[in-house]
Amino acid sequence: MLTYAKQKCNIPKDREPWVIATIGEAWKQFKKRIKELHYTQYQSFREMLKNRPTTISKDHFRKLVRLWNHEVTSAISKKNKENRSKQKCNHRMEPVNFELIHAELDYVKDLKESGHSDDETFDVLFGKERHDRVHLYGRGVTKTSLQKDKEIEQLKQQHKDEISSVKNSFDKRMDGITSLLKGLFQQINPALSSE
C-alpha cells in the first residue's frame, strides 16, 4: 500500500511510518464497518449475500464470510474482544455532542476559578498521557520519538557551535598570519604601502 501511495503522492521518508499507520487504521475501520453492516446483522448466509456491499464482488464476500465463520477466526475474534474489554486506555476520538462539550467547558471554568493551574486543568480535561501517544502531536508521535528529535536537535546545535568555534579560531589565526606577512613584506620592501 505504501508503494501505491508513493505513486500517487510525494511522501517524505520520515513520514512513511505515519502513512503506514494511517492506511492500517483506515483498513481496520473499513473491515469493521463491513462486518458490522453486512455480517453481524444477519443470521443466514443468504441474507448476508443478498445485502452484501456493492463494492465487494460475490466471490470475495463469500470468502470473507467463510473466513469470519471459521472456527479459528471466531476464536481469535472472541479472544480479542475479551482483551479489548480489559484495556484501561480506550479509544477517545468518538463523536461527542455539544451538550457534553459545554459541560466540560463549564467544568474547566470552575477549575480555573478554584485556583487550579493550567497544567492541572489540562490533565483533568484530556486525561494523563498514555504510553503510546503524546497529547496534541497527532498519530505516530510517542515520547520516545520526541526524545529522539530533541537529542537530534541538541546534536545539530553542538555541531553548529563546534563549527563556529573552529571558524573563529581559524579566522584569528589567519588574521595573525596576514599581519605577520604584511610585516615581513614591509621589512623586505619598505616602499610598499601597509595595505
Protein backbone atom coordinates (compact mmCIF):
# COMPACT_ATOMS: atom_id res chain seq x y z
CA MET A 1 0.00 0.00 0.00
CA LEU A 2 2.88 2.36 0.72
CA THR A 3 4.21 1.79 -2.79
CA TYR A 4 0.79 2.65 -4.22
CA ALA A 5 0.55 5.76 -2.05
CA LYS A 6 4.04 6.83 -3.18
CA GLN A 7 2.91 6.57 -6.81
CA LYS A 8 0.03 8.96 -6.08
CA CYS A 9 1.72 11.35 -3.63
CA ASN A 10 5.16 12.68 -2.81
CA ILE A 11 5.80 11.18 0.64
CA PRO A 12 8.99 12.13 2.53
CA LYS A 13 10.94 9.23 4.03
CA ASP A 14 10.43 10.44 7.61
CA ARG A 15 6.62 10.48 7.15
CA GLU A 16 6.33 6.90 5.89
CA PRO A 17 5.56 5.43 9.34
CA TRP A 18 2.67 7.88 9.74
CA VAL A 19 1.33 6.99 6.27
CA ILE A 20 1.56 3.26 7.05
CA ALA A 21 -0.22 3.77 10.39
CA THR A 22 -2.96 5.85 8.74
CA ILE A 23 -3.52 3.30 5.97
CA GLY A 24 -3.61 0.49 8.54
CA GLU A 25 -6.16 2.35 10.66
CA ALA A 26 -8.34 3.12 7.62
CA TRP A 27 -8.22 -0.55 6.53
CA LYS A 28 -9.14 -1.68 10.05
CA GLN A 29 -12.11 0.71 10.17
CA PHE A 30 -13.26 -0.40 6.70
CA LYS A 31 -13.25 -4.08 7.71
CA LYS A 32 -15.04 -3.25 10.96
CA ARG A 33 -17.75 -1.32 9.10
CA ILE A 34 -18.23 -4.15 6.57
CA LYS A 35 -18.53 -6.71 9.36
CA GLU A 36 -20.99 -4.58 11.37
CA LEU A 37 -23.24 -3.66 8.45
CA HIS A 38 -23.16 -6.84 6.34
CA TYR A 39 -22.26 -9.77 8.63
CA THR A 40 -23.33 -9.42 12.26
CA GLN A 41 -26.77 -8.01 11.43
CA TYR A 42 -27.85 -11.10 9.50
CA GLN A 43 -28.35 -14.68 10.65
CA SER A 44 -28.25 -16.61 7.38
CA PHE A 45 -25.66 -16.79 4.67
CA ARG A 46 -28.29 -15.91 2.02
CA GLU A 47 -29.26 -12.71 3.81
CA MET A 48 -25.61 -11.73 4.04
CA LEU A 49 -25.09 -12.31 0.33
CA LYS A 50 -28.28 -10.50 -0.56
CA ASN A 51 -27.24 -7.45 1.50
CA ARG A 52 -23.54 -7.52 0.67
CA PRO A 53 -21.75 -4.24 -0.09
CA THR A 54 -21.79 -3.32 -3.77
CA THR A 55 -18.07 -2.57 -3.69
CA ILE A 56 -17.20 -6.21 -2.97
CA SER A 57 -17.83 -8.97 -5.50
CA LYS A 58 -19.96 -12.01 -4.56
CA ASP A 59 -17.00 -14.37 -4.67
CA HIS A 60 -14.87 -12.17 -2.44
CA PHE A 61 -17.71 -11.62 0.00
CA ARG A 62 -18.36 -15.39 0.18
CA LYS A 63 -14.70 -15.96 1.05
CA LEU A 64 -14.86 -13.20 3.63
CA VAL A 65 -17.96 -14.67 5.29
CA ARG A 66 -16.34 -18.13 5.31
CA LEU A 67 -13.29 -16.59 6.95
CA TRP A 68 -15.40 -14.87 9.63
CA ASN A 69 -17.35 -18.13 10.22
CA HIS A 70 -14.21 -20.25 10.51
CA GLU A 71 -13.55 -21.75 13.96
CA VAL A 72 -10.05 -20.37 14.34
CA THR A 73 -11.04 -16.88 13.21
CA SER A 74 -14.04 -16.87 15.55
CA ALA A 75 -11.84 -17.96 18.47
CA ILE A 76 -9.32 -15.20 17.72
CA SER A 77 -12.12 -12.65 17.44
CA LYS A 78 -13.58 -13.76 20.77
CA LYS A 79 -10.18 -13.56 22.49
CA ASN A 80 -9.53 -10.10 21.02
CA LYS A 81 -12.93 -8.94 22.24
CA GLU A 82 -12.09 -10.13 25.77
CA ASN A 83 -8.70 -8.38 25.64
CA ARG A 84 -10.27 -5.13 24.44
CA SER A 85 -12.70 -5.23 27.36
CA LYS A 86 -9.71 -5.42 29.74
CA GLN A 87 -7.95 -2.38 28.27
CA LYS A 88 -7.64 0.64 30.51
CA CYS A 89 -6.97 3.20 27.77
CA ASN A 90 -9.85 3.09 25.33
CA HIS A 91 -10.01 4.99 22.06
CA ARG A 92 -11.13 8.55 22.80
CA MET A 93 -11.86 10.09 19.40
CA GLU A 94 -15.55 9.27 19.18
CA PRO A 95 -18.14 11.90 18.27
CA VAL A 96 -19.18 13.97 21.28
CA ASN A 97 -22.35 16.07 21.39
CA PHE A 98 -22.23 19.79 22.11
CA GLU A 99 -24.00 19.45 25.41
CA LEU A 100 -21.09 17.44 26.79
CA ILE A 101 -18.59 19.91 25.36
CA HIS A 102 -20.38 22.83 27.05
CA ALA A 103 -20.47 20.89 30.32
CA GLU A 104 -16.70 20.30 30.05
CA LEU A 105 -16.08 23.99 29.31
CA ASP A 106 -18.13 24.97 32.38
CA TYR A 107 -16.13 22.46 34.41
CA VAL A 108 -12.87 24.00 33.13
CA LYS A 109 -14.07 27.47 34.12
CA ASP A 110 -14.89 26.16 37.60
CA LEU A 111 -11.41 24.61 37.87
CA LYS A 112 -9.74 27.85 36.82
CA GLU A 113 -11.82 29.87 39.29
CA SER A 114 -10.95 27.47 42.11
CA GLY A 115 -7.23 28.12 41.54
CA HIS A 116 -6.02 25.12 39.55
CA SER A 117 -3.01 25.68 37.31
CA ASP A 118 -3.18 25.36 33.52
CA ASP A 119 -1.32 22.02 33.63
CA GLU A 120 -3.71 20.57 36.20
CA THR A 121 -6.70 21.77 34.17
CA PHE A 122 -5.25 20.23 31.00
CA ASP A 123 -4.67 16.88 32.75
CA VAL A 124 -8.23 16.87 34.11
CA LEU A 125 -9.70 17.72 30.72
CA PHE A 126 -7.65 15.40 28.50
CA GLY A 127 -6.53 12.79 31.00
CA LYS A 128 -2.99 11.67 31.64
CA GLU A 129 -0.83 10.85 28.65
CA ARG A 130 -0.79 7.24 27.63
CA HIS A 131 2.37 5.27 26.99
CA ASP A 132 1.83 5.11 23.23
CA ARG A 133 0.76 8.68 22.38
CA VAL A 134 1.54 12.27 23.29
CA HIS A 135 -1.25 14.85 23.55
CA LEU A 136 -1.59 17.36 20.69
CA TYR A 137 1.08 15.80 18.44
CA GLY A 138 -1.10 13.50 16.30
CA ARG A 139 -0.84 9.87 15.33
CA GLY A 140 2.51 8.10 15.42
CA VAL A 141 4.24 10.51 17.81
CA THR A 142 5.46 8.94 21.03
CA LYS A 143 7.52 10.19 23.96
CA THR A 144 10.46 8.21 22.58
CA SER A 145 10.25 9.82 19.14
CA LEU A 146 10.02 13.28 20.74
CA GLN A 147 13.07 12.50 22.87
CA LYS A 148 14.97 11.36 19.77
CA ASP A 149 14.00 14.57 17.94
CA LYS A 150 15.20 16.58 20.92
CA GLU A 151 18.52 14.71 21.01
CA ILE A 152 18.98 15.23 17.27
CA GLU A 153 18.38 18.98 17.67
CA GLN A 154 20.91 19.09 20.52
CA LEU A 155 23.49 17.29 18.38
CA LYS A 156 22.84 19.67 15.49
CA GLN A 157 23.30 22.65 17.82
CA GLN A 158 26.54 21.19 19.24
CA HIS A 159 27.81 20.60 15.73
CA LYS A 160 26.90 24.16 14.73
CA ASP A 161 28.67 25.55 17.83
CA GLU A 162 31.80 23.49 17.14
CA ILE A 163 31.91 24.65 13.53
CA SER A 164 31.53 28.30 14.55
CA SER A 165 34.28 27.98 17.19
CA VAL A 166 36.62 26.30 14.67
CA LYS A 167 35.81 29.04 12.14
CA ASN A 168 36.50 31.79 14.71
CA SER A 169 39.78 30.14 15.67
CA PHE A 170 40.73 29.81 12.01
CA ASP A 171 39.85 33.48 11.34
CA LYS A 172 42.03 34.62 14.28
CA ARG A 173 44.95 32.55 13.05
CA MET A 174 44.52 33.86 9.51
CA ASP A 175 44.50 37.45 10.83
CA GLY A 176 47.73 36.75 12.71
CA ILE A 177 49.36 35.17 9.66
CA THR A 178 48.18 38.06 7.45
CA SER A 179 49.63 40.70 9.79
CA LEU A 180 52.85 38.69 10.05
CA LEU A 181 53.16 38.50 6.25
CA LYS A 182 52.45 42.25 5.91
CA GLY A 183 55.18 42.97 8.43
CA LEU A 184 57.64 40.74 6.55
CA PHE A 185 56.81 42.33 3.18
CA GLN A 186 57.29 45.84 4.65
CA GLN A 187 60.67 44.86 6.04
CA ILE A 188 61.74 43.42 2.68
CA ASN A 189 60.36 46.31 0.66
CA PRO A 190 59.79 49.45 2.81
CA ALA A 191 58.37 51.33 -0.21
CA LEU A 192 55.17 49.16 -0.17
CA SER A 193 52.09 50.59 1.46
CA SER A 194 50.67 48.93 4.57
CA GLU A 195 47.65 47.61 2.64
